[in-house]
Amino acid sequence: HYIARHVGITKVGDDAVLSGTLIDELSDTELYTQLQGTRVIARATPAHKLRIVRLLRSNDEVVAMTGDGVNDAPALRAASIGIAVGSGTEVAKEASDLVLINDSFSIIVAAIEEGRRILDNIKKIVAYLLSTSFSEIILIVGSLVAGTAVPLVPAQILWANIVGGDLMSFAYAFEKKDPTVMKRDPRSMRAKFILTRELRWLVVVLSLVTGIVTLALYFFLLSINTPINELRTVMFVSLSLDAIFFSFSLKSFDTPIWRMDFFSNPQLLVAFGVSVALLVLAFVFSPLSHLLSLTPLTPLQKPLLVGVGVANLAIIEVMKYLLFVRTAQRSPK
């Protein structure tokens, strides 16, 4: 008990210790009740460990078991997660799911943090790619249904994807972990799956809204008899700017864009610079402009495109707040 208090497992005044002798005297129901308020188990045999693990798992508990000896192997195998230390026996290591090479439990915390960071970044990549891709699909399908000219030629679609999707989504892999990553409930759906309910709604709403806004811009330009190459140029720039705006807003699901630290991910800034440079290059490099069928933007079209991009950015921020921030505020602690 002194050791448990010294390492922070128990506090002063918490003297509840469950001994192996007492375990033998308790029924399964009594033992499970006793375990709810016990932090320290002393003088437990391998049989006691195995019984405790099976009892907890039969009550839908997630059990992590650590050990280093041959006798610990049955309990390590029965646990949800068996953890063996590197200095332990080969039998214990073979029975475990996780082996701590340097015998430090801090590795477990670091591994969980890194795993959650990777899962978060995969979610950002998925949300970004699906939202931008579906927006393009809505624009093209909408024009085909209306029987009008296709708003983008294949070369423009490919270049827009290079400018936006490929570079910016790749940079998400280097995003740092969220400060609250270790405060999340590991049993929540958000911690287990990539396409959570909130993420699905975010992708659907962003795709629909941005696709409809871009389609409305397309029909507006058609209504004022905009030449087809000029119209396609506006659509090309609109989709490219949307992809760039999306990338910064989706950098974090629960932090508004005006509170983000943009310098926390230098790779995203580099990707942004390269994407903008490629977009500008498409207009200033004549052979590329000819290949993409681009025309110079008029003074009216430039602020119009910026306005559409800002409007889409505002929509993303509103949806982030409704789906992630407000949901987290309402969820029980």
Foldseek 3Di string as FASTA:
>chain_A
DVVCCVVPQDHPPLPDEAEQVVLVVDDLVRVVVSVVSDRHYPPHFLVRLLSVQVSCVVVVHQDEAEDAELSVLNNQQSHNFREYELPGDPSSVVSGPYYHNHRDPVVVVVVLQVVLLQLLLVLLLVLLVLQLVLLLVLQQVVCVVVVHDGLFDPVLVVLLCVLFNPQLSVLSNQQHTDPCSVVDDCPDPSNPDSCDPLSVVLSVVLNVVLSVLLNVLLVVCVVVPPDSLASSQLSSVLSSLLRLLSSQQSSDLADGSVPDDPVSRVSNVVSNVVSVVSNVCCVPVVVNVVVRSHDDHDPVSVVVSVVSNVVSSVVSRVSSCVRPVVVVVPDDD
